Amino acid sequence: MQRKTFHRLAAAAAFALLAPALAGAQPVKLTLGHGAAPGNPRHEAALKFAEVLKTKTAGRIEVQVAPSAQLGDDAAMVTAVRTGALDITANSQGAVATAVPEYAAYGMPFLFASSAQAFKVLDGALGKELAEKSAAKGMVVLGYWDNGIRHMTNAKRPIAKVEDVKGLKMRTPPDAVLVDIMQALGAEAQQIKFAELYVALQQGVVDGQENPLANFHASKLYEVQKHLALTSHMFQMTPLLMSKRSWDRLSEADRKAVTEAAAEATTLQRTLSQEADEKLLADLKAKGVQVTTVDKAGFEKATAKVEEKWAAGPIGAYVKKVVAAARSN
């Protein structure tokens, strides 16, 4: 009897030792949702993340990528990630800022002349601080991707000076800073989901929109927008976020694999985004899009009050740190 009990206890102890390893060996399926079209650097990097993670785990962790807002718009995906209903999202700065307001600091008008300048700030202490604030809201930052420098388009007239913007109905994403910028320039800001934007432009619900060239091109908005103004009014990132609930379910080894795959995908996404603009601009011109440069000083002067407003607001302390870091680069 004692011998049987001993064997049972020994077996139980052996299983207890093996259980974590066995659990770690279980297949894991993750879903990554985003709002960009196939061909966009965001989608290509999401596919890279899935591919690298599958390779690193010998096929055990599979990531299903759902592009083009198949799982809902950016705001819906932020909510889903926070609750654990969605594992990962490559999302928009504005939508994430509704949960973590400090993301808005990076969208101050004309703060960054290039994405590379923005990443010098994001890859340092201020980016780490932002990641900590994100974790407190249920989201683990896997990387800061590039959503580019934003420009304005419309179907009515060329834009060269601030006065040309006045009265235009301009679509914005759910981004409070962008709404402030459009209003400061005299435009009427209207929020429309990106998945519905093409039709809204086609039907004249709004006159124009603003986006980085990669988004403008991949979604073929040039078919319904013939005037492109290189305003460079705002930088936006694409935070790659994982649900903390999904993250907490992973083993230490799996977290390491996810982190490494995300780093490779981040490098690719930033590279693709950087390479895209020059090629896309030439292609857009070839498609008949009329391109204008703008009176940058006039635009900066008209939007200066936006930064002042945010620096005096609830996240003012963080805004001031980001602005100071950006201007010291």
C-alpha atoms as a PDB file:
ATOM      1  CA  MET A   1       0.000   0.000   0.000  1.00  0.00           C
ATOM      2  CA  GLN A   2       2.781   2.369   0.958  1.00  0.00           C
ATOM      3  CA  ARG A   3       4.636   1.458  -2.224  1.00  0.00           C
ATOM      4  CA  LYS A   4       1.544   2.355  -4.350  1.00  0.00           C
ATOM      5  CA  THR A   5       1.153   5.657  -2.516  1.00  0.00           C
ATOM      6  CA  PHE A   6       4.828   6.418  -3.080  1.00  0.00           C
ATOM      7  CA  HIS A   7       4.501   5.700  -6.807  1.00  0.00           C
ATOM      8  CA  ARG A   8       1.403   7.901  -7.065  1.00  0.00           C
ATOM      9  CA  LEU A   9       3.169  10.760  -5.290  1.00  0.00           C
ATOM     10  CA  ALA A  10       6.256  10.321  -7.451  1.00  0.00           C
ATOM     11  CA  ALA A  11       4.111  10.376 -10.592  1.00  0.00           C
ATOM     12  CA  ALA A  12       2.267  13.464  -9.361  1.00  0.00           C
ATOM     13  CA  ALA A  13       5.540  15.221  -8.586  1.00  0.00           C
ATOM     14  CA  ALA A  14       6.937  14.318 -12.001  1.00  0.00           C
ATOM     15  CA  PHE A  15       3.794  15.657 -13.699  1.00  0.00           C
ATOM     16  CA  ALA A  16       4.011  18.878 -11.670  1.00  0.00           C
ATOM     17  CA  LEU A  17       7.559  19.370 -12.914  1.00  0.00           C
ATOM     18  CA  LEU A  18       6.605  18.598 -16.506  1.00  0.00           C
ATOM     19  CA  ALA A  19       3.332  20.573 -16.554  1.00  0.00           C
ATOM     20  CA  PRO A  20       4.869  23.990 -17.298  1.00  0.00           C
ATOM     21  CA  ALA A  21       6.899  22.501 -20.143  1.00  0.00           C
ATOM     22  CA  LEU A  22       3.881  20.662 -21.497  1.00  0.00           C
ATOM     23  CA  ALA A  23       1.775  23.823 -21.246  1.00  0.00           C
ATOM     24  CA  GLY A  24       4.473  25.758 -23.042  1.00  0.00           C
ATOM     25  CA  ALA A  25       4.430  23.199 -25.823  1.00  0.00           C
ATOM     26  CA  GLN A  26       0.732  23.701 -26.530  1.00  0.00           C
ATOM     27  CA  PRO A  27      -0.180  25.383 -29.836  1.00  0.00           C
ATOM     28  CA  VAL A  28      -1.046  29.062 -29.470  1.00  0.00           C
ATOM     29  CA  LYS A  29      -3.272  30.934 -31.894  1.00  0.00           C
ATOM     30  CA  LEU A  30      -3.222  34.738 -31.859  1.00  0.00           C
ATOM     31  CA  THR A  31      -5.161  37.275 -33.910  1.00  0.00           C
ATOM     32  CA  LEU A  32      -3.671  40.578 -35.086  1.00  0.00           C
ATOM     33  CA  GLY A  33      -6.103  43.160 -36.388  1.00  0.00           C
ATOM     34  CA  HIS A  34      -5.422  46.469 -38.145  1.00  0.00           C
ATOM     35  CA  GLY A  35      -7.194  48.977 -40.354  1.00  0.00           C
ATOM     36  CA  ALA A  36      -4.785  49.338 -43.279  1.00  0.00           C
ATOM     37  CA  ALA A  37      -5.126  47.804 -46.736  1.00  0.00           C
ATOM     38  CA  PRO A  38      -2.938  44.940 -48.014  1.00  0.00           C
ATOM     39  CA  GLY A  39       0.190  46.418 -49.567  1.00  0.00           C
ATOM     40  CA  ASN A  40       0.464  49.040 -46.840  1.00  0.00           C
ATOM     41  CA  PRO A  41       3.688  48.805 -44.753  1.00  0.00           C
ATOM     42  CA  ARG A  42       1.496  48.114 -41.712  1.00  0.00           C
ATOM     43  CA  HIS A  43       0.094  44.966 -43.299  1.00  0.00           C
ATOM     44  CA  GLU A  44       3.430  43.780 -44.685  1.00  0.00           C
ATOM     45  CA  ALA A  45       5.020  44.127 -41.240  1.00  0.00           C
ATOM     46  CA  ALA A  46       2.102  42.323 -39.592  1.00  0.00           C
ATOM     47  CA  LEU A  47       2.653  39.397 -41.960  1.00  0.00           C
ATOM     48  CA  LYS A  48       6.382  39.500 -41.150  1.00  0.00           C
ATOM     49  CA  PHE A  49       5.614  39.376 -37.430  1.00  0.00           C
ATOM     50  CA  ALA A  50       3.433  36.285 -37.972  1.00  0.00           C
ATOM     51  CA  GLU A  51       6.066  34.605 -40.145  1.00  0.00           C
ATOM     52  CA  VAL A  52       8.989  35.239 -37.784  1.00  0.00           C
ATOM     53  CA  LEU A  53       7.036  34.189 -34.697  1.00  0.00           C
ATOM     54  CA  LYS A  54       5.938  30.958 -36.374  1.00  0.00           C
ATOM     55  CA  THR A  55       9.537  30.193 -37.347  1.00  0.00           C
ATOM     56  CA  LYS A  56      10.918  30.988 -33.887  1.00  0.00           C
ATOM     57  CA  THR A  57       8.403  28.658 -32.241  1.00  0.00           C
ATOM     58  CA  ALA A  58       8.701  25.877 -34.834  1.00  0.00           C
ATOM     59  CA  GLY A  59       5.138  26.488 -35.979  1.00  0.00           C
ATOM     60  CA  ARG A  60       3.620  26.350 -32.490  1.00  0.00           C
ATOM     61  CA  ILE A  61       2.469  29.995 -32.356  1.00  0.00           C
ATOM     62  CA  GLU A  62       0.322  31.044 -35.270  1.00  0.00           C
ATOM     63  CA  VAL A  63      -0.823  34.612 -35.865  1.00  0.00           C
ATOM     64  CA  GLN A  64      -3.836  35.287 -38.042  1.00  0.00           C
ATOM     65  CA  VAL A  65      -3.623  38.766 -39.561  1.00  0.00           C
ATOM     66  CA  ALA A  66      -6.916  40.552 -40.254  1.00  0.00           C
ATOM     67  CA  PRO A  67      -6.393  43.751 -42.321  1.00  0.00           C
ATOM     68  CA  SER A  68      -8.753  46.461 -43.606  1.00  0.00           C
ATOM     69  CA  ALA A  69     -10.730  46.878 -40.369  1.00  0.00           C
ATOM     70  CA  GLN A  70     -12.233  43.376 -40.701  1.00  0.00           C
ATOM     71  CA  LEU A  71     -12.441  43.214 -36.903  1.00  0.00           C
ATOM     72  CA  GLY A  72     -13.817  46.731 -36.462  1.00  0.00           C
ATOM     73  CA  ASP A  73     -12.366  50.215 -36.655  1.00  0.00           C
ATOM     74  CA  ASP A  74      -9.314  51.300 -34.663  1.00  0.00           C
ATOM     75  CA  ALA A  75     -11.362  52.437 -31.657  1.00  0.00           C
ATOM     76  CA  ALA A  76     -13.172  49.093 -31.505  1.00  0.00           C
ATOM     77  CA  MET A  77      -9.881  47.186 -31.735  1.00  0.00           C
ATOM     78  CA  VAL A  78      -8.354  49.226 -28.889  1.00  0.00           C
ATOM     79  CA  THR A  79     -11.312  48.254 -26.700  1.00  0.00           C
ATOM     80  CA  ALA A  80     -11.035  44.621 -27.789  1.00  0.00           C
ATOM     81  CA  VAL A  81      -7.314  44.484 -26.948  1.00  0.00           C
ATOM     82  CA  ARG A  82      -7.882  46.032 -23.538  1.00  0.00           C
ATOM     83  CA  THR A  83     -10.583  43.463 -22.690  1.00  0.00           C
ATOM     84  CA  GLY A  84      -8.670  40.521 -24.183  1.00  0.00           C
ATOM     85  CA  ALA A  85     -11.187  39.918 -26.975  1.00  0.00           C
ATOM     86  CA  LEU A  86      -8.389  40.658 -29.488  1.00  0.00           C
ATOM     87  CA  ASP A  87      -4.789  39.589 -28.944  1.00  0.00           C
ATOM     88  CA  ILE A  88      -2.813  42.175 -30.943  1.00  0.00           C
ATOM     89  CA  THR A  89      -3.480  45.321 -32.943  1.00  0.00           C
ATOM     90  CA  ALA A  90      -1.333  47.630 -35.072  1.00  0.00           C
ATOM     91  CA  ASN A  91      -3.431  50.643 -34.295  1.00  0.00           C
ATOM     92  CA  SER A  92      -3.622  54.411 -34.749  1.00  0.00           C
ATOM     93  CA  GLN A  93      -2.145  57.050 -32.497  1.00  0.00           C
ATOM     94  CA  GLY A  94      -5.452  58.892 -32.141  1.00  0.00           C
ATOM     95  CA  ALA A  95      -7.555  55.865 -31.208  1.00  0.00           C
ATOM     96  CA  VAL A  96      -5.005  54.664 -28.642  1.00  0.00           C
ATOM     97  CA  ALA A  97      -4.883  58.181 -27.175  1.00  0.00           C
ATOM     98  CA  THR A  98      -8.492  57.787 -26.069  1.00  0.00           C
ATOM     99  CA  ALA A  99      -7.233  55.154 -23.599  1.00  0.00           C
ATOM    100  CA  VAL A 100      -3.732  56.543 -22.983  1.00  0.00           C
ATOM    101  CA  PRO A 101      -3.939  60.328 -23.603  1.00  0.00           C
ATOM    102  CA  GLU A 102      -0.161  60.774 -23.646  1.00  0.00           C
ATOM    103  CA  TYR A 103      -0.005  59.314 -27.181  1.00  0.00           C
ATOM    104  CA  ALA A 104      -1.450  62.617 -28.375  1.00  0.00           C
ATOM    105  CA  ALA A 105       1.783  64.394 -27.423  1.00  0.00           C
ATOM    106  CA  TYR A 106       3.509  63.004 -30.517  1.00  0.00           C
ATOM    107  CA  GLY A 107       0.952  64.600 -32.819  1.00  0.00           C
ATOM    108  CA  MET A 108       1.630  68.230 -32.025  1.00  0.00           C
ATOM    109  CA  PRO A 109       1.566  70.182 -35.319  1.00  0.00           C
ATOM    110  CA  PHE A 110       4.879  70.444 -37.192  1.00  0.00           C
ATOM    111  CA  LEU A 111       6.755  68.934 -34.232  1.00  0.00           C
ATOM    112  CA  PHE A 112       8.734  66.359 -36.221  1.00  0.00           C
ATOM    113  CA  ALA A 113      10.237  67.076 -39.631  1.00  0.00           C
ATOM    114  CA  SER A 114      10.670  63.339 -40.236  1.00  0.00           C
ATOM    115  CA  SER A 115       9.641  60.014 -38.769  1.00  0.00           C
ATOM    116  CA  ALA A 116      13.284  59.262 -37.964  1.00  0.00           C
ATOM    117  CA  GLN A 117      13.355  62.301 -35.685  1.00  0.00           C
ATOM    118  CA  ALA A 118      10.228  61.063 -33.902  1.00  0.00           C
ATOM    119  CA  PHE A 119      11.709  57.619 -33.334  1.00  0.00           C
ATOM    120  CA  LYS A 120      14.762  59.128 -31.650  1.00  0.00           C
ATOM    121  CA  VAL A 121      12.324  60.256 -28.967  1.00  0.00           C
ATOM    122  CA  LEU A 122      10.089  57.174 -28.955  1.00  0.00           C
ATOM    123  CA  ASP A 123      12.994  54.715 -28.743  1.00  0.00           C
ATOM    124  CA  GLY A 124      14.278  56.419 -25.602  1.00  0.00           C
ATOM    125  CA  ALA A 125      13.058  57.104 -22.071  1.00  0.00           C
ATOM    126  CA  LEU A 126       9.867  58.861 -23.152  1.00  0.00           C
ATOM    127  CA  GLY A 127       8.811  55.859 -25.234  1.00  0.00           C
ATOM    128  CA  LYS A 128       9.464  53.602 -22.255  1.00  0.00           C
ATOM    129  CA  GLU A 129       7.327  55.870 -20.090  1.00  0.00           C
ATOM    130  CA  LEU A 130       4.554  55.674 -22.684  1.00  0.00           C
ATOM    131  CA  ALA A 131       4.804  51.857 -22.656  1.00  0.00           C
ATOM    132  CA  GLU A 132       4.394  51.852 -18.875  1.00  0.00           C
ATOM    133  CA  LYS A 133       1.284  54.023 -19.153  1.00  0.00           C
ATOM    134  CA  SER A 134      -0.046  51.639 -21.827  1.00  0.00           C
ATOM    135  CA  ALA A 135       0.535  48.579 -19.612  1.00  0.00           C
ATOM    136  CA  ALA A 136      -1.467  50.261 -16.848  1.00  0.00           C
ATOM    137  CA  LYS A 137      -4.392  50.381 -19.306  1.00  0.00           C
ATOM    138  CA  GLY A 138      -4.143  46.716 -20.273  1.00  0.00           C
ATOM    139  CA  MET A 139      -1.920  47.006 -23.374  1.00  0.00           C
ATOM    140  CA  VAL A 140       1.659  45.774 -23.827  1.00  0.00           C
ATOM    141  CA  VAL A 141       3.690  47.811 -26.321  1.00  0.00           C
ATOM    142  CA  LEU A 142       5.479  45.479 -28.741  1.00  0.00           C
ATOM    143  CA  GLY A 143       6.759  48.287 -30.956  1.00  0.00           C
ATOM    144  CA  TYR A 144       6.203  51.788 -32.254  1.00  0.00           C
ATOM    145  CA  TRP A 145       5.585  51.621 -35.990  1.00  0.00           C
ATOM    146  CA  ASP A 146       5.549  54.457 -38.485  1.00  0.00           C
ATOM    147  CA  ASN A 147       2.280  55.891 -39.743  1.00  0.00           C
ATOM    148  CA  GLY A 148       4.210  58.590 -41.557  1.00  0.00           C
ATOM    149  CA  ILE A 149       4.129  62.320 -41.955  1.00  0.00           C
ATOM    150  CA  ARG A 150       0.623  63.436 -42.871  1.00  0.00           C
ATOM    151  CA  HIS A 151      -0.438  65.531 -45.872  1.00  0.00           C
ATOM    152  CA  MET A 152      -3.735  66.993 -47.044  1.00  0.00           C
ATOM    153  CA  THR A 153      -5.761  66.152 -50.152  1.00  0.00           C
ATOM    154  CA  ASN A 154      -9.049  67.443 -51.514  1.00  0.00           C
ATOM    155  CA  ALA A 155     -11.230  67.388 -54.622  1.00  0.00           C
ATOM    156  CA  LYS A 156     -11.908  71.120 -54.863  1.00  0.00           C
ATOM    157  CA  ARG A 157      -8.721  73.170 -55.252  1.00  0.00           C
ATOM    158  CA  PRO A 158      -4.937  73.253 -54.850  1.00  0.00           C
ATOM    159  CA  ILE A 159      -3.741  74.174 -51.353  1.00  0.00           C
ATOM    160  CA  ALA A 160      -0.710  76.458 -51.084  1.00  0.00           C
ATOM    161  CA  LYS A 161      -1.611  78.780 -48.203  1.00  0.00           C
ATOM    162  CA  VAL A 162      -3.772  78.646 -45.079  1.00  0.00           C
ATOM    163  CA  GLU A 163      -6.584  80.568 -46.784  1.00  0.00           C
ATOM    164  CA  ASP A 164      -6.961  77.693 -49.270  1.00  0.00           C
ATOM    165  CA  VAL A 165      -7.981  75.341 -46.454  1.00  0.00           C
ATOM    166  CA  LYS A 166     -10.712  77.550 -45.053  1.00  0.00           C
ATOM    167  CA  GLY A 167     -14.226  76.202 -45.524  1.00  0.00           C
ATOM    168  CA  LEU A 168     -13.145  72.750 -46.715  1.00  0.00           C
ATOM    169  CA  LYS A 169     -14.938  69.787 -45.133  1.00  0.00           C
ATOM    170  CA  MET A 170     -12.026  67.601 -44.066  1.00  0.00           C
ATOM    171  CA  ARG A 171     -12.265  64.067 -42.789  1.00  0.00           C
ATOM    172  CA  THR A 172     -10.196  63.225 -39.715  1.00  0.00           C
ATOM    173  CA  PRO A 173      -9.721  59.944 -37.849  1.00  0.00           C
ATOM    174  CA  PRO A 174     -10.731  59.840 -34.155  1.00  0.00           C
ATOM    175  CA  ASP A 175      -7.792  62.033 -33.160  1.00  0.00           C
ATOM    176  CA  ALA A 176      -8.468  65.091 -31.021  1.00  0.00           C
ATOM    177  CA  VAL A 177      -5.197  66.784 -32.013  1.00  0.00           C
ATOM    178  CA  LEU A 178      -6.009  66.451 -35.720  1.00  0.00           C
ATOM    179  CA  VAL A 179      -9.441  67.929 -35.157  1.00  0.00           C
ATOM    180  CA  ASP A 180      -7.771  70.887 -33.421  1.00  0.00           C
ATOM    181  CA  ILE A 181      -5.324  71.304 -36.318  1.00  0.00           C
ATOM    182  CA  MET A 182      -8.034  71.263 -38.966  1.00  0.00           C
ATOM    183  CA  GLN A 183     -10.137  73.766 -37.040  1.00  0.00           C
ATOM    184  CA  ALA A 184      -7.118  76.024 -36.487  1.00  0.00           C
ATOM    185  CA  LEU A 185      -6.651  76.079 -40.272  1.00  0.00           C
ATOM    186  CA  GLY A 186     -10.275  77.040 -40.807  1.00  0.00           C
ATOM    187  CA  ALA A 187     -11.508  73.679 -42.091  1.00  0.00           C
ATOM    188  CA  GLU A 188     -14.603  71.856 -40.918  1.00  0.00           C
ATOM    189  CA  ALA A 189     -13.461  68.586 -39.322  1.00  0.00           C
ATOM    190  CA  GLN A 190     -15.655  65.497 -39.716  1.00  0.00           C
ATOM    191  CA  GLN A 191     -14.813  62.100 -38.269  1.00  0.00           C
ATOM    192  CA  ILE A 192     -15.380  59.221 -40.683  1.00  0.00           C
ATOM    193  CA  LYS A 193     -14.100  55.662 -40.341  1.00  0.00           C
ATOM    194  CA  PHE A 194     -11.188  54.943 -42.675  1.00  0.00           C
ATOM    195  CA  ALA A 195     -12.985  51.930 -44.155  1.00  0.00           C
ATOM    196  CA  GLU A 196     -15.803  54.303 -45.204  1.00  0.00           C
ATOM    197  CA  LEU A 197     -13.573  57.129 -46.418  1.00  0.00           C
ATOM    198  CA  TYR A 198     -13.329  56.263 -50.130  1.00  0.00           C
ATOM    199  CA  VAL A 199     -17.112  56.283 -50.542  1.00  0.00           C
ATOM    200  CA  ALA A 200     -17.468  59.449 -48.441  1.00  0.00           C
ATOM    201  CA  LEU A 201     -14.982  61.237 -50.724  1.00  0.00           C
ATOM    202  CA  GLN A 202     -16.545  59.780 -53.857  1.00  0.00           C
ATOM    203  CA  GLN A 203     -19.998  60.973 -52.829  1.00  0.00           C
ATOM    204  CA  GLY A 204     -18.800  64.402 -51.685  1.00  0.00           C
ATOM    205  CA  VAL A 205     -19.781  63.880 -48.039  1.00  0.00           C
ATOM    206  CA  VAL A 206     -16.433  65.554 -47.330  1.00  0.00           C
ATOM    207  CA  ASP A 207     -14.163  67.544 -49.642  1.00  0.00           C
ATOM    208  CA  GLY A 208     -10.884  66.096 -48.508  1.00  0.00           C
ATOM    209  CA  GLN A 209      -8.830  64.173 -45.990  1.00  0.00           C
ATOM    210  CA  GLU A 210      -5.324  63.949 -44.614  1.00  0.00           C
ATOM    211  CA  ASN A 211      -3.075  60.909 -44.372  1.00  0.00           C
ATOM    212  CA  PRO A 212       0.468  59.742 -45.012  1.00  0.00           C
ATOM    213  CA  LEU A 213       1.113  58.932 -48.680  1.00  0.00           C
ATOM    214  CA  ALA A 214       1.217  55.178 -48.001  1.00  0.00           C
ATOM    215  CA  ASN A 215      -2.373  55.158 -46.731  1.00  0.00           C
ATOM    216  CA  PHE A 216      -3.551  57.509 -49.486  1.00  0.00           C
ATOM    217  CA  HIS A 217      -1.994  55.293 -52.160  1.00  0.00           C
ATOM    218  CA  ALA A 218      -2.817  51.812 -50.814  1.00  0.00           C
ATOM    219  CA  SER A 219      -6.508  52.657 -50.449  1.00  0.00           C
ATOM    220  CA  LYS A 220      -6.612  54.286 -53.925  1.00  0.00           C
ATOM    221  CA  LEU A 221      -7.947  57.567 -52.614  1.00  0.00           C
ATOM    222  CA  TYR A 222      -6.196  59.242 -55.556  1.00  0.00           C
ATOM    223  CA  GLU A 223      -9.112  58.038 -57.674  1.00  0.00           C
ATOM    224  CA  VAL A 224     -11.393  60.503 -55.898  1.00  0.00           C
ATOM    225  CA  GLN A 225      -8.868  63.166 -54.781  1.00  0.00           C
ATOM    226  CA  LYS A 226      -6.864  65.071 -57.366  1.00  0.00           C
ATOM    227  CA  HIS A 227      -5.205  67.758 -55.225  1.00  0.00           C
ATOM    228  CA  LEU A 228      -2.381  66.769 -52.876  1.00  0.00           C
ATOM    229  CA  ALA A 229      -0.723  69.389 -50.681  1.00  0.00           C
ATOM    230  CA  LEU A 230       2.551  68.369 -49.015  1.00  0.00           C
ATOM    231  CA  THR A 231       1.677  70.016 -45.716  1.00  0.00           C
ATOM    232  CA  SER A 232       3.654  67.660 -43.425  1.00  0.00           C
ATOM    233  CA  HIS A 233       1.447  68.959 -40.635  1.00  0.00           C
ATOM    234  CA  MET A 234       1.731  66.004 -38.306  1.00  0.00           C
ATOM    235  CA  PHE A 235       3.642  62.828 -37.502  1.00  0.00           C
ATOM    236  CA  GLN A 236       1.751  59.763 -36.390  1.00  0.00           C
ATOM    237  CA  MET A 237       2.968  56.458 -35.075  1.00  0.00           C
ATOM    238  CA  THR A 238       1.255  53.081 -35.284  1.00  0.00           C
ATOM    239  CA  PRO A 239       1.558  51.440 -31.866  1.00  0.00           C
ATOM    240  CA  LEU A 240       1.818  47.644 -32.060  1.00  0.00           C
ATOM    241  CA  LEU A 241      -0.058  46.550 -28.948  1.00  0.00           C
ATOM    242  CA  MET A 242      -0.779  43.205 -27.333  1.00  0.00           C
ATOM    243  CA  SER A 243      -3.546  42.574 -24.857  1.00  0.00           C
ATOM    244  CA  LYS A 244      -2.048  42.248 -21.383  1.00  0.00           C
ATOM    245  CA  ARG A 245      -4.438  39.354 -20.815  1.00  0.00           C
ATOM    246  CA  SER A 246      -3.040  37.522 -23.846  1.00  0.00           C
ATOM    247  CA  TRP A 247       0.525  38.426 -22.829  1.00  0.00           C
ATOM    248  CA  ASP A 248       0.031  37.112 -19.286  1.00  0.00           C
ATOM    249  CA  ARG A 249      -1.085  33.736 -20.658  1.00  0.00           C
ATOM    250  CA  LEU A 250       2.203  33.230 -22.498  1.00  0.00           C
ATOM    251  CA  SER A 251       5.208  31.425 -21.070  1.00  0.00           C
ATOM    252  CA  GLU A 252       8.445  33.334 -20.548  1.00  0.00           C
ATOM    253  CA  ALA A 253       9.936  31.672 -23.632  1.00  0.00           C
ATOM    254  CA  ASP A 254       6.922  32.611 -25.739  1.00  0.00           C
ATOM    255  CA  ARG A 255       7.057  36.225 -24.560  1.00  0.00           C
ATOM    256  CA  LYS A 256      10.695  36.322 -25.626  1.00  0.00           C
ATOM    257  CA  ALA A 257       9.780  34.972 -29.069  1.00  0.00           C
ATOM    258  CA  VAL A 258       6.949  37.509 -29.434  1.00  0.00           C
ATOM    259  CA  THR A 259       9.253  40.364 -28.434  1.00  0.00           C
ATOM    260  CA  GLU A 260      11.967  39.289 -30.889  1.00  0.00           C
ATOM    261  CA  ALA A 261       9.476  38.827 -33.743  1.00  0.00           C
ATOM    262  CA  ALA A 262       7.983  42.242 -33.003  1.00  0.00           C
ATOM    263  CA  ALA A 263      11.445  43.841 -33.121  1.00  0.00           C
ATOM    264  CA  GLU A 264      12.085  42.370 -36.587  1.00  0.00           C
ATOM    265  CA  ALA A 265       8.657  43.455 -37.800  1.00  0.00           C
ATOM    266  CA  THR A 266       9.207  46.962 -36.408  1.00  0.00           C
ATOM    267  CA  THR A 267      12.475  47.330 -38.303  1.00  0.00           C
ATOM    268  CA  LEU A 268      10.819  46.179 -41.521  1.00  0.00           C
ATOM    269  CA  GLN A 269       7.771  48.413 -41.094  1.00  0.00           C
ATOM    270  CA  ARG A 270       9.826  51.543 -40.478  1.00  0.00           C
ATOM    271  CA  THR A 271      12.062  50.759 -43.458  1.00  0.00           C
ATOM    272  CA  LEU A 272       9.123  50.158 -45.799  1.00  0.00           C
ATOM    273  CA  SER A 273       7.452  53.325 -44.623  1.00  0.00           C
ATOM    274  CA  GLN A 274      10.612  55.370 -45.183  1.00  0.00           C
ATOM    275  CA  GLU A 275      11.145  53.954 -48.659  1.00  0.00           C
ATOM    276  CA  ALA A 276       7.536  54.407 -49.690  1.00  0.00           C
ATOM    277  CA  ASP A 277       7.131  58.188 -49.848  1.00  0.00           C
ATOM    278  CA  GLU A 278       9.519  59.015 -52.689  1.00  0.00           C
ATOM    279  CA  LYS A 279       8.244  56.203 -54.922  1.00  0.00           C
ATOM    280  CA  LEU A 280       4.612  56.887 -54.089  1.00  0.00           C
ATOM    281  CA  LEU A 281       4.862  60.593 -54.816  1.00  0.00           C
ATOM    282  CA  ALA A 282       6.194  59.868 -58.309  1.00  0.00           C
ATOM    283  CA  ASP A 283       3.458  57.311 -58.899  1.00  0.00           C
ATOM    284  CA  LEU A 284       0.716  59.667 -57.682  1.00  0.00           C
ATOM    285  CA  LYS A 285       1.939  62.366 -60.046  1.00  0.00           C
ATOM    286  CA  ALA A 286       1.861  59.812 -62.874  1.00  0.00           C
ATOM    287  CA  LYS A 287      -1.755  59.043 -61.964  1.00  0.00           C
ATOM    288  CA  GLY A 288      -2.677  62.686 -62.492  1.00  0.00           C
ATOM    289  CA  VAL A 289      -2.632  63.927 -58.903  1.00  0.00           C
ATOM    290  CA  GLN A 290      -1.686  67.612 -58.754  1.00  0.00           C
ATOM    291  CA  VAL A 291       0.948  68.181 -56.062  1.00  0.00           C
ATOM    292  CA  THR A 292       1.567  71.516 -54.344  1.00  0.00           C
ATOM    293  CA  THR A 293       3.952  72.668 -51.632  1.00  0.00           C
ATOM    294  CA  VAL A 294       2.629  75.029 -48.985  1.00  0.00           C
ATOM    295  CA  ASP A 295       3.608  78.131 -47.076  1.00  0.00           C
ATOM    296  CA  LYS A 296       4.928  76.144 -44.104  1.00  0.00           C
ATOM    297  CA  ALA A 297       5.554  79.242 -41.956  1.00  0.00           C
ATOM    298  CA  GLY A 298       1.942  80.327 -42.394  1.00  0.00           C
ATOM    299  CA  PHE A 299       0.633  76.878 -41.476  1.00  0.00           C
ATOM    300  CA  GLU A 300       2.887  76.683 -38.411  1.00  0.00           C
ATOM    301  CA  LYS A 301       1.739  80.098 -37.220  1.00  0.00           C
ATOM    302  CA  ALA A 302      -1.943  79.216 -37.678  1.00  0.00           C
ATOM    303  CA  THR A 303      -1.618  75.985 -35.675  1.00  0.00           C
ATOM    304  CA  ALA A 304       0.688  77.202 -32.876  1.00  0.00           C
ATOM    305  CA  LYS A 305      -2.293  77.547 -30.538  1.00  0.00           C
ATOM    306  CA  VAL A 306      -2.896  73.783 -30.766  1.00  0.00           C
ATOM    307  CA  GLU A 307       0.381  73.000 -28.996  1.00  0.00           C
ATOM    308  CA  GLU A 308      -0.322  75.747 -26.445  1.00  0.00           C
ATOM    309  CA  LYS A 309      -3.721  74.201 -25.682  1.00  0.00           C
ATOM    310  CA  TRP A 310      -2.327  70.691 -25.153  1.00  0.00           C
ATOM    311  CA  ALA A 311       0.653  71.911 -23.124  1.00  0.00           C
ATOM    312  CA  ALA A 312      -1.803  73.585 -20.749  1.00  0.00           C
ATOM    313  CA  GLY A 313      -4.082  70.523 -20.541  1.00  0.00           C
ATOM    314  CA  PRO A 314      -4.205  67.349 -18.424  1.00  0.00           C
ATOM    315  CA  ILE A 315      -1.200  65.717 -20.164  1.00  0.00           C
ATOM    316  CA  GLY A 316       0.688  68.999 -20.376  1.00  0.00           C
ATOM    317  CA  ALA A 317       3.713  67.785 -18.415  1.00  0.00           C
ATOM    318  CA  TYR A 318       4.280  64.899 -20.842  1.00  0.00           C
ATOM    319  CA  VAL A 319       3.591  67.094 -23.890  1.00  0.00           C
ATOM    320  CA  LYS A 320       6.259  69.547 -22.748  1.00  0.00           C
ATOM    321  CA  LYS A 321       8.805  66.737 -22.304  1.00  0.00           C
ATOM    322  CA  VAL A 322       8.111  65.377 -25.792  1.00  0.00           C
ATOM    323  CA  VAL A 323       8.267  68.837 -27.364  1.00  0.00           C
ATOM    324  CA  ALA A 324      11.555  69.612 -25.591  1.00  0.00           C
ATOM    325  CA  ALA A 325      13.054  66.271 -26.665  1.00  0.00           C
ATOM    326  CA  ALA A 326      11.909  66.786 -30.268  1.00  0.00           C
ATOM    327  CA  ARG A 327      13.392  70.259 -30.488  1.00  0.00           C
ATOM    328  CA  SER A 328      16.704  69.208 -28.970  1.00  0.00           C
ATOM    329  CA  ASN A 329      17.239  66.587 -31.710  1.00  0.00           C
END
